[in-house]
Amino acid sequence: MFLKKRKFSAILFVLSLLLFVTAGCTSKSQPSNSSKITLNFFNQKPEISSQYQKLARIYTKEQPNVSIQITTSGQGGGAAALQAKFASGEAPDIIMLGGLPEIDRYKNHLVSLQGLPATKMILPSLRSGGVSDGRLVGLPVDLEAYGWSYNKEVFARAGVDASAIHNYSDFVKAVKKIDSQKAKLGLNGVFGFNGADTNSIASVSAQFTSQAYDNDQVKAFKSTKFPWKYGSQMHNYYTLIRNYSVQPILSVKYDPSVQDLFYNGKVAMIPQGNWIVPTLDGIEKGFVQKKLGMLPFFVRNDGSDRLLTGSSWYLGVTNDHPKREKAAKDFVNWMFTSRKAENVIINEMRFVPATKNFDVSRLPDDLSKDIYRIGSSKKARAPIHKQYPNGFATQVLGPYIQRYFVNDISWTELEKVITTKYQQLRDIQSGE
């Protein structure tokens, strides 16, 4: 009886030892839930929220110890929502930022991204848009082109050859030729300018302010004066828009201008960039390849004008949660270096990549290929409107251009007001 008890005790000891060893091995090979990291990603582009969700799913499948929560707030409310996050002590780990003024606001929260492999891949013309106090703290989301989007089918029916437009005079002749055939072509106007949207007014202004700063975004951000070097051309274009756009111009909103007026051939042109590509191809597959072309604004008017190419948004990583900082950097780096991420970015987001040495043949339409060639060349010119003082585009430039559109203010008066208010805002925001 005693021997049986001893055997039983020995068996129990061996079993408990085996369980202990097995548990130890399991804890090493399969990390516990306590080591799982949850990253918070703040996105300001609602139109690509689902694609970012897809990127997060792909990444977390490869990295099971990481989960990614994406918060999206845009359509003008993103900046305020982001501020509220920081004010409440819930700073995101990854943030999308629009321009150097917004980057400057959070510069003490942003870590340097200089050491990431992805940094070496960024197009040189886009780097300065993510630099604060000499540190690279933001990587460009994509490469965008700013100019005139035109409907190739409308141009063809009007007998206008876009490749023959080389200067402002040629452009005006084309506008007048199209306008003279409005009834026959079934147009509501030559332009479908969304005068209700101050953001579009600001992006048009970049055509004339960017080159005054040699397209240097840091120089533009530090300047205390609104540049009028190409003010006469700015005046000419806004007047042309006022005279040949769908009326009443202030009632035209962004979505209808793209999805109704432009898509349905009710206008020949809208001053928008390739960010309208996913919308148009989402309505009709292949529309972009068949019908969408782009023309530059003729500012210098000396044969050197080309589409402005830059990035409106940059991704940064915060230092508010040190334990999550490396994981956040790894995910950002993956988005810029992974072939899987790239496939989503170019085929589903329909972005033109902001990286060097990209195989342009992989882009799904000819316009995107042209934009990449222009934006990756040594002659690339970046727009600087994102570097205006905070509130300038929405509270000053936009409203006063809107007043000019309805003949409520002269151009001379407009110049005086814009000059004064620009300097006031810059002085306030720089602490002077």
Protein backbone atom coordinates (compact mmCIF):
# COMPACT_ATOMS: atom_id res chain seq x y z
CA MET A 1 0.00 0.00 0.00
CA PHE A 2 2.81 2.36 0.94
CA LEU A 3 4.63 1.48 -2.30
CA LYS A 4 1.54 2.30 -4.36
CA LYS A 5 1.29 5.72 -2.69
CA ARG A 6 4.96 6.42 -3.44
CA LYS A 7 4.45 5.48 -7.12
CA PHE A 8 1.37 7.69 -7.32
CA SER A 9 3.23 10.65 -5.78
CA ALA A 10 6.10 10.17 -8.22
CA ILE A 11 3.68 10.19 -11.17
CA LEU A 12 2.06 13.39 -9.93
CA PHE A 13 5.50 15.02 -9.57
CA VAL A 14 6.49 14.08 -13.13
CA LEU A 15 3.17 15.31 -14.53
CA SER A 16 3.44 18.66 -12.72
CA LEU A 17 7.03 19.03 -13.95
CA LEU A 18 5.93 18.38 -17.54
CA LEU A 19 3.14 20.94 -17.23
CA PHE A 20 5.58 23.53 -15.87
CA VAL A 21 8.06 22.97 -18.72
CA THR A 22 5.30 23.01 -21.33
CA ALA A 23 3.89 26.26 -19.93
CA GLY A 24 7.34 27.81 -20.00
CA CYS A 25 7.86 26.88 -23.65
CA THR A 26 4.44 28.17 -24.58
CA SER A 27 5.05 31.55 -22.98
CA LYS A 28 8.23 31.95 -25.02
CA SER A 29 6.86 30.87 -28.41
CA GLN A 30 3.43 32.50 -28.08
CA PRO A 31 3.53 35.95 -26.47
CA SER A 32 0.69 36.68 -24.12
CA ASN A 33 -2.02 39.23 -24.84
CA SER A 34 -0.34 41.60 -22.40
CA SER A 35 2.46 42.18 -24.97
CA LYS A 36 0.01 43.13 -27.71
CA ILE A 37 0.29 46.73 -28.93
CA THR A 38 -2.65 48.80 -30.11
CA LEU A 39 -1.74 51.72 -32.39
CA ASN A 40 -4.05 54.68 -32.85
CA PHE A 41 -3.93 56.22 -36.34
CA PHE A 42 -5.62 59.59 -36.97
CA ASN A 43 -6.61 60.00 -40.63
CA GLN A 44 -7.86 63.27 -42.16
CA LYS A 45 -8.89 61.88 -45.56
CA PRO A 46 -12.35 60.24 -45.24
CA GLU A 47 -12.36 59.15 -48.88
CA ILE A 48 -9.58 56.61 -48.23
CA SER A 49 -10.64 55.44 -44.78
CA SER A 50 -11.69 51.96 -46.01
CA GLN A 51 -8.38 51.52 -47.82
CA TYR A 52 -6.43 52.39 -44.69
CA GLN A 53 -8.54 49.83 -42.84
CA LYS A 54 -7.51 47.27 -45.44
CA LEU A 55 -3.82 48.17 -45.04
CA ALA A 56 -4.21 47.75 -41.29
CA ARG A 57 -5.76 44.29 -41.76
CA ILE A 58 -2.96 43.16 -44.08
CA TYR A 59 -0.29 44.44 -41.70
CA THR A 60 -1.78 42.99 -38.51
CA LYS A 61 -2.13 39.61 -40.21
CA GLU A 62 1.65 39.69 -40.68
CA GLN A 63 2.19 41.19 -37.21
CA PRO A 64 -0.40 39.49 -34.94
CA ASN A 65 0.88 41.29 -31.84
CA VAL A 66 -0.12 44.64 -33.31
CA SER A 67 -3.64 45.97 -33.70
CA ILE A 68 -4.44 49.28 -35.42
CA GLN A 69 -7.40 51.51 -34.65
CA ILE A 70 -8.11 54.14 -37.30
CA THR A 71 -9.98 57.33 -36.43
CA THR A 72 -11.10 59.39 -39.41
CA SER A 73 -12.19 63.01 -39.33
CA GLY A 74 -12.06 65.30 -42.33
CA GLN A 75 -14.17 67.56 -44.55
CA GLY A 76 -12.87 70.60 -42.72
CA GLY A 77 -13.21 69.19 -39.20
CA GLY A 78 -10.04 67.12 -39.05
CA ALA A 79 -7.74 69.77 -37.58
CA ALA A 80 -10.14 70.58 -34.73
CA ALA A 81 -10.75 66.90 -34.00
CA LEU A 82 -7.00 66.26 -33.86
CA GLN A 83 -6.49 69.15 -31.43
CA ALA A 84 -9.25 67.73 -29.25
CA LYS A 85 -7.44 64.38 -29.15
CA PHE A 86 -4.26 65.98 -27.83
CA ALA A 87 -6.16 68.22 -25.41
CA SER A 88 -7.92 65.20 -23.90
CA GLY A 89 -4.64 63.34 -23.38
CA GLU A 90 -5.47 60.80 -26.09
CA ALA A 91 -2.73 61.68 -28.56
CA PRO A 92 -2.70 59.25 -31.52
CA ASP A 93 0.45 57.30 -32.33
CA ILE A 94 0.30 58.11 -36.05
CA ILE A 95 -1.16 61.37 -37.34
CA MET A 96 -1.94 62.77 -40.75
CA LEU A 97 -0.97 66.42 -40.95
CA GLY A 98 -1.77 69.06 -43.57
CA GLY A 99 1.12 71.41 -44.23
CA LEU A 100 3.94 72.91 -42.19
CA PRO A 101 1.70 75.13 -40.01
CA GLU A 102 -0.01 71.99 -38.68
CA ILE A 103 3.29 70.14 -38.38
CA ASP A 104 4.72 73.13 -36.49
CA ARG A 105 1.79 73.01 -34.06
CA TYR A 106 2.68 69.44 -33.06
CA LYS A 107 6.45 69.55 -33.58
CA ASN A 108 7.20 68.85 -29.92
CA HIS A 109 5.11 65.68 -30.17
CA LEU A 110 6.69 64.40 -33.39
CA VAL A 111 9.68 62.10 -33.60
CA SER A 112 12.34 62.20 -36.31
CA LEU A 113 11.74 59.72 -39.14
CA GLN A 114 15.14 60.28 -40.70
CA GLY A 115 16.43 56.80 -39.84
CA LEU A 116 13.59 54.86 -41.47
CA PRO A 117 14.39 52.95 -44.68
CA ALA A 118 11.28 54.57 -46.20
CA THR A 119 12.86 58.01 -45.81
CA LYS A 120 15.46 57.20 -48.46
CA MET A 121 12.65 56.43 -50.90
CA ILE A 122 10.84 59.80 -50.70
CA LEU A 123 10.94 62.02 -53.79
CA PRO A 124 13.36 64.92 -53.15
CA SER A 125 10.82 67.58 -54.14
CA LEU A 126 8.46 66.40 -51.37
CA ARG A 127 10.85 66.19 -48.42
CA SER A 128 10.71 69.84 -47.34
CA GLY A 129 6.97 69.57 -46.72
CA GLY A 130 7.68 67.30 -43.74
CA VAL A 131 10.59 69.19 -42.17
CA SER A 132 10.34 71.07 -38.86
CA ASP A 133 13.34 72.83 -37.32
CA GLY A 134 15.63 70.84 -39.57
CA ARG A 135 14.11 67.47 -38.56
CA LEU A 136 12.22 65.25 -40.99
CA VAL A 137 9.06 64.48 -39.03
CA GLY A 138 6.56 63.76 -41.81
CA LEU A 139 6.44 61.48 -44.87
CA PRO A 140 4.23 62.50 -47.83
CA VAL A 141 1.08 60.45 -48.29
CA ASP A 142 1.14 60.64 -52.09
CA LEU A 143 2.07 62.73 -55.13
CA GLU A 144 -0.65 65.11 -56.33
CA ALA A 145 -0.82 67.28 -59.42
CA TYR A 146 -2.47 70.71 -59.38
CA GLY A 147 -3.83 72.24 -62.58
CA TRP A 148 -6.83 72.19 -64.93
CA SER A 149 -8.61 68.88 -65.27
CA TYR A 150 -10.27 68.82 -68.67
CA ASN A 151 -12.77 66.48 -70.31
CA LYS A 152 -11.03 65.15 -73.43
CA GLU A 153 -14.35 64.27 -75.03
CA VAL A 154 -15.69 67.84 -74.67
CA PHE A 155 -12.44 69.26 -76.04
CA ALA A 156 -12.63 66.95 -79.06
CA ARG A 157 -16.25 67.88 -79.81
CA ALA A 158 -15.31 71.58 -79.54
CA GLY A 159 -12.36 71.13 -81.89
CA VAL A 160 -9.79 72.10 -79.24
CA ASP A 161 -6.40 70.38 -79.24
CA ALA A 162 -4.98 70.45 -75.69
CA SER A 163 -1.47 69.70 -76.96
CA ALA A 164 -1.55 72.98 -78.93
CA ILE A 165 -2.10 75.10 -75.79
CA HIS A 166 1.33 76.44 -74.84
CA ASN A 167 0.66 79.77 -73.08
CA TYR A 168 -2.01 81.92 -71.48
CA SER A 169 -3.06 83.42 -74.80
CA ASP A 170 -3.64 79.95 -76.26
CA PHE A 171 -5.60 78.99 -73.15
CA VAL A 172 -7.90 82.03 -73.42
CA LYS A 173 -8.53 81.30 -77.11
CA ALA A 174 -9.51 77.74 -76.23
CA VAL A 175 -11.86 78.98 -73.48
CA LYS A 176 -13.56 81.41 -75.87
CA LYS A 177 -13.84 78.78 -78.60
CA ILE A 178 -15.57 76.38 -76.23
CA ASP A 179 -17.80 79.16 -74.85
CA SER A 180 -18.97 80.07 -78.36
CA GLN A 181 -20.29 76.51 -78.75
CA LYS A 182 -21.91 76.12 -75.34
CA ALA A 183 -25.40 75.50 -76.66
CA LYS A 184 -24.27 73.00 -79.30
CA LEU A 185 -22.11 71.17 -76.80
CA GLY A 186 -24.78 71.20 -74.09
CA LEU A 187 -22.56 72.97 -71.57
CA ASN A 188 -23.62 74.91 -68.48
CA GLY A 189 -20.31 76.77 -68.65
CA VAL A 190 -16.73 76.34 -69.78
CA PHE A 191 -15.61 75.97 -66.15
CA GLY A 192 -17.34 74.20 -63.29
CA PHE A 193 -15.52 76.06 -60.55
CA ASN A 194 -16.80 75.22 -57.08
CA GLY A 195 -16.87 78.75 -55.72
CA ALA A 196 -18.51 77.57 -52.50
CA ASP A 197 -15.28 75.81 -51.49
CA THR A 198 -12.49 77.96 -50.05
CA ASN A 199 -10.03 75.04 -50.31
CA SER A 200 -10.30 75.03 -54.10
CA ILE A 201 -9.79 78.80 -54.17
CA ALA A 202 -6.63 78.31 -52.11
CA SER A 203 -5.26 75.56 -54.34
CA VAL A 204 -5.74 77.79 -57.41
CA SER A 205 -3.86 80.59 -55.65
CA ALA A 206 -0.90 78.22 -55.21
CA GLN A 207 -0.31 78.44 -58.95
CA PHE A 208 0.76 82.06 -58.49
CA THR A 209 2.28 82.08 -55.02
CA SER A 210 4.43 78.93 -55.24
CA GLN A 211 6.85 80.12 -57.88
CA ALA A 212 7.39 83.40 -56.06
CA TYR A 213 9.03 81.25 -53.35
CA ASP A 214 10.85 79.05 -55.88
CA ASN A 215 8.45 76.33 -54.81
CA ASP A 216 10.30 76.07 -51.49
CA GLN A 217 7.78 75.08 -48.83
CA VAL A 218 9.96 76.00 -45.85
CA LYS A 219 10.72 79.43 -47.34
CA ALA A 220 6.98 79.97 -47.90
CA PHE A 221 6.15 78.90 -44.35
CA LYS A 222 8.63 81.35 -42.87
CA SER A 223 7.59 84.29 -45.04
CA THR A 224 5.56 87.05 -43.40
CA LYS A 225 4.35 88.57 -46.68
CA PHE A 226 1.87 87.34 -49.24
CA PRO A 227 3.71 87.21 -52.59
CA TRP A 228 2.31 89.26 -55.46
CA LYS A 229 5.11 88.57 -57.96
CA TYR A 230 2.60 86.87 -60.28
CA GLY A 231 -0.38 88.87 -59.04
CA SER A 232 -1.38 90.05 -62.52
CA GLN A 233 -1.72 86.45 -63.73
CA MET A 234 -3.62 85.56 -60.58
CA HIS A 235 -5.99 88.43 -61.34
CA ASN A 236 -6.35 87.29 -64.97
CA TYR A 237 -7.22 83.72 -64.06
CA TYR A 238 -9.72 84.50 -61.30
CA THR A 239 -11.41 86.98 -63.67
CA LEU A 240 -11.51 84.34 -66.42
CA ILE A 241 -13.06 81.88 -63.98
CA ARG A 242 -15.62 84.47 -62.89
CA ASN A 243 -16.63 85.21 -66.50
CA TYR A 244 -16.81 81.67 -67.89
CA SER A 245 -17.87 79.46 -65.00
CA VAL A 246 -21.25 77.96 -64.17
CA GLN A 247 -23.41 80.55 -62.40
CA PRO A 248 -24.15 81.43 -59.69
CA ILE A 249 -20.54 80.56 -59.00
CA LEU A 250 -20.82 80.65 -55.20
CA SER A 251 -23.55 78.03 -55.24
CA VAL A 252 -21.35 75.38 -56.89
CA LYS A 253 -20.02 72.87 -54.37
CA TYR A 254 -17.13 70.43 -54.74
CA ASP A 255 -18.96 67.09 -55.12
CA PRO A 256 -21.49 68.32 -57.72
CA SER A 257 -18.72 70.06 -59.68
CA VAL A 258 -16.90 66.73 -60.07
CA GLN A 259 -19.65 64.12 -60.02
CA ASP A 260 -22.30 65.99 -62.01
CA LEU A 261 -20.89 68.89 -64.03
CA PHE A 262 -17.53 67.41 -65.02
CA TYR A 263 -18.42 63.72 -65.22
CA ASN A 264 -21.55 64.37 -67.29
CA GLY A 265 -19.76 66.70 -69.72
CA LYS A 266 -21.72 69.78 -68.65
CA VAL A 267 -18.44 71.71 -68.33
CA ALA A 268 -15.12 71.42 -70.13
CA MET A 269 -12.76 72.08 -67.20
CA ILE A 270 -12.44 72.25 -63.44
CA PRO A 271 -9.35 73.46 -61.53
CA GLN A 272 -8.72 70.20 -59.69
CA GLY A 273 -5.97 67.59 -59.51
CA ASN A 274 -5.66 63.83 -59.68
CA TRP A 275 -7.44 63.47 -56.32
CA ILE A 276 -10.62 63.32 -58.43
CA VAL A 277 -9.40 60.10 -60.14
CA PRO A 278 -10.95 57.56 -57.71
CA THR A 279 -14.28 59.41 -57.74
CA LEU A 280 -14.53 59.47 -61.53
CA ASP A 281 -13.44 55.87 -62.04
CA GLY A 282 -15.72 54.88 -59.18
CA ILE A 283 -18.67 56.24 -61.17
CA GLU A 284 -17.55 54.78 -64.48
CA LYS A 285 -14.69 52.32 -64.77
CA GLY A 286 -12.17 53.55 -67.32
CA PHE A 287 -13.43 57.15 -67.37
CA VAL A 288 -10.04 58.52 -66.35
CA GLN A 289 -8.13 56.70 -69.06
CA LYS A 290 -10.61 57.70 -71.77
CA LYS A 291 -11.66 61.21 -70.80
CA LEU A 292 -9.47 62.87 -68.16
CA GLY A 293 -6.57 65.13 -69.09
CA MET A 294 -4.70 67.90 -67.27
CA LEU A 295 -3.30 71.26 -68.29
CA PRO A 296 -1.01 73.52 -66.27
CA PHE A 297 -1.75 77.12 -65.34
CA PHE A 298 0.37 79.41 -67.49
CA VAL A 299 2.00 81.67 -64.92
CA ARG A 300 5.50 82.44 -66.16
CA ASN A 301 4.13 82.21 -69.68
CA ASP A 302 7.60 81.56 -71.07
CA GLY A 303 7.22 77.94 -72.11
CA SER A 304 8.46 76.57 -68.78
CA ASP A 305 5.05 76.15 -67.11
CA ARG A 306 4.14 72.67 -65.95
CA LEU A 307 1.75 71.00 -63.52
CA LEU A 308 2.53 71.71 -59.89
CA THR A 309 3.19 68.44 -58.07
CA GLY A 310 3.31 68.00 -54.33
CA SER A 311 1.63 66.39 -51.34
CA SER A 312 -1.10 67.94 -49.22
CA TRP A 313 -0.76 65.44 -46.38
CA TYR A 314 2.12 64.00 -44.36
CA LEU A 315 2.25 61.13 -41.86
CA GLY A 316 4.00 61.66 -38.54
CA VAL A 317 4.67 59.52 -35.45
CA THR A 318 4.18 60.96 -31.96
CA ASN A 319 6.36 60.56 -28.87
CA ASP A 320 3.41 60.58 -26.43
CA HIS A 321 3.45 56.79 -25.98
CA PRO A 322 7.11 55.65 -25.97
CA LYS A 323 6.23 51.95 -25.70
CA ARG A 324 4.30 52.17 -28.98
CA GLU A 325 6.70 54.45 -30.86
CA LYS A 326 8.74 51.70 -32.56
CA ALA A 327 5.62 49.79 -33.63
CA ALA A 328 4.17 52.99 -35.10
CA LYS A 329 7.37 53.67 -37.05
CA ASP A 330 7.39 50.09 -38.32
CA PHE A 331 3.85 50.38 -39.66
CA VAL A 332 4.56 53.73 -41.37
CA ASN A 333 7.73 52.30 -42.86
CA TRP A 334 5.82 49.24 -44.12
CA MET A 335 3.27 51.42 -45.92
CA PHE A 336 6.08 53.04 -47.94
CA THR A 337 8.22 49.95 -48.61
CA SER A 338 5.88 46.95 -48.86
CA ARG A 339 4.71 45.69 -52.25
CA LYS A 340 1.40 44.62 -50.66
CA ALA A 341 0.81 48.14 -49.33
CA GLU A 342 1.83 49.64 -52.65
CA ASN A 343 -0.76 47.54 -54.48
CA VAL A 344 -3.55 48.97 -52.32
CA ILE A 345 -2.20 52.50 -52.60
CA ILE A 346 -1.97 52.60 -56.41
CA ASN A 347 -4.87 50.33 -57.38
CA GLU A 348 -7.48 51.08 -54.72
CA MET A 349 -6.58 54.51 -53.36
CA ARG A 350 -5.48 55.40 -56.91
CA PHE A 351 -2.62 57.43 -55.50
CA VAL A 352 0.54 58.27 -57.40
CA PRO A 353 3.36 57.10 -55.07
CA ALA A 354 5.60 59.64 -53.37
CA THR A 355 8.61 57.34 -53.65
CA LYS A 356 11.64 57.17 -55.94
CA ASN A 357 12.52 54.40 -58.39
CA PHE A 358 8.89 53.41 -58.82
CA ASP A 359 7.98 51.30 -61.86
CA VAL A 360 5.68 53.76 -63.62
CA SER A 361 4.18 51.01 -65.81
CA ARG A 362 2.35 49.69 -62.74
CA LEU A 363 0.11 52.77 -62.57
CA PRO A 364 -3.36 52.03 -63.97
CA ASP A 365 -3.83 55.10 -66.21
CA ASP A 366 -1.75 57.33 -68.46
CA LEU A 367 -2.46 60.53 -66.55
CA SER A 368 -1.05 59.06 -63.33
CA LYS A 369 2.04 57.98 -65.26
CA ASP A 370 2.53 61.51 -66.59
CA ILE A 371 2.12 62.98 -63.11
CA TYR A 372 4.74 60.63 -61.71
CA ARG A 373 7.21 61.54 -64.47
CA ILE A 374 6.68 65.25 -63.82
CA GLY A 375 6.77 64.95 -60.03
CA SER A 376 9.87 62.76 -59.95
CA SER A 377 11.87 64.92 -62.36
CA LYS A 378 14.50 67.45 -61.30
CA LYS A 379 12.24 70.21 -62.65
CA ALA A 380 9.34 69.31 -60.34
CA ARG A 381 7.59 72.29 -58.74
CA ALA A 382 5.72 71.95 -55.47
CA PRO A 383 2.65 74.01 -54.47
CA ILE A 384 2.93 76.00 -51.23
CA HIS A 385 -0.67 76.85 -50.32
CA LYS A 386 -0.59 74.38 -47.42
CA GLN A 387 2.06 76.61 -45.85
CA TYR A 388 -0.22 79.65 -45.57
CA PRO A 389 -0.88 80.75 -41.96
CA ASN A 390 -3.58 78.74 -40.18
CA GLY A 391 -7.01 80.06 -41.11
CA PHE A 392 -5.77 82.22 -43.99
CA ALA A 393 -7.31 80.12 -46.76
CA THR A 394 -10.70 79.69 -45.11
CA GLN A 395 -11.08 83.02 -43.31
CA VAL A 396 -9.30 85.49 -45.59
CA LEU A 397 -8.31 84.38 -49.08
CA GLY A 398 -11.38 82.26 -49.81
CA PRO A 399 -14.02 84.74 -48.59
CA TYR A 400 -12.40 87.73 -50.34
CA ILE A 401 -12.00 85.90 -53.64
CA GLN A 402 -15.66 84.91 -53.30
CA ARG A 403 -16.50 88.59 -52.91
CA TYR A 404 -14.47 89.33 -56.03
CA PHE A 405 -16.41 86.66 -57.93
CA VAL A 406 -19.68 88.50 -57.25
CA ASN A 407 -18.20 91.98 -57.90
CA ASP A 408 -18.44 92.95 -54.24
CA ILE A 409 -14.80 94.09 -54.03
CA SER A 410 -12.25 95.37 -56.53
CA TRP A 411 -8.97 93.55 -57.14
CA THR A 412 -7.02 96.51 -55.77
CA GLU A 413 -9.01 96.43 -52.53
CA LEU A 414 -8.62 92.65 -52.36
CA GLU A 415 -4.82 92.89 -52.63
CA LYS A 416 -4.64 95.39 -49.77
CA VAL A 417 -6.80 93.30 -47.44
CA ILE A 418 -5.01 90.03 -48.22
CA THR A 419 -1.58 91.62 -47.74
CA THR A 420 -2.51 93.04 -44.34
CA LYS A 421 -4.32 90.00 -42.97
CA TYR A 422 -1.67 87.57 -44.16
CA GLN A 423 1.02 89.42 -42.25
CA GLN A 424 -1.17 89.75 -39.16
CA LEU A 425 -1.88 86.02 -39.04
CA ARG A 426 1.74 85.10 -39.62
CA ASP A 427 2.94 87.48 -36.88
CA ILE A 428 0.39 86.12 -34.40
CA GLN A 429 1.24 82.50 -35.15
CA SER A 430 4.98 83.05 -35.03
CA GLY A 431 4.64 84.72 -31.62
CA GLU A 432 5.89 88.13 -32.76
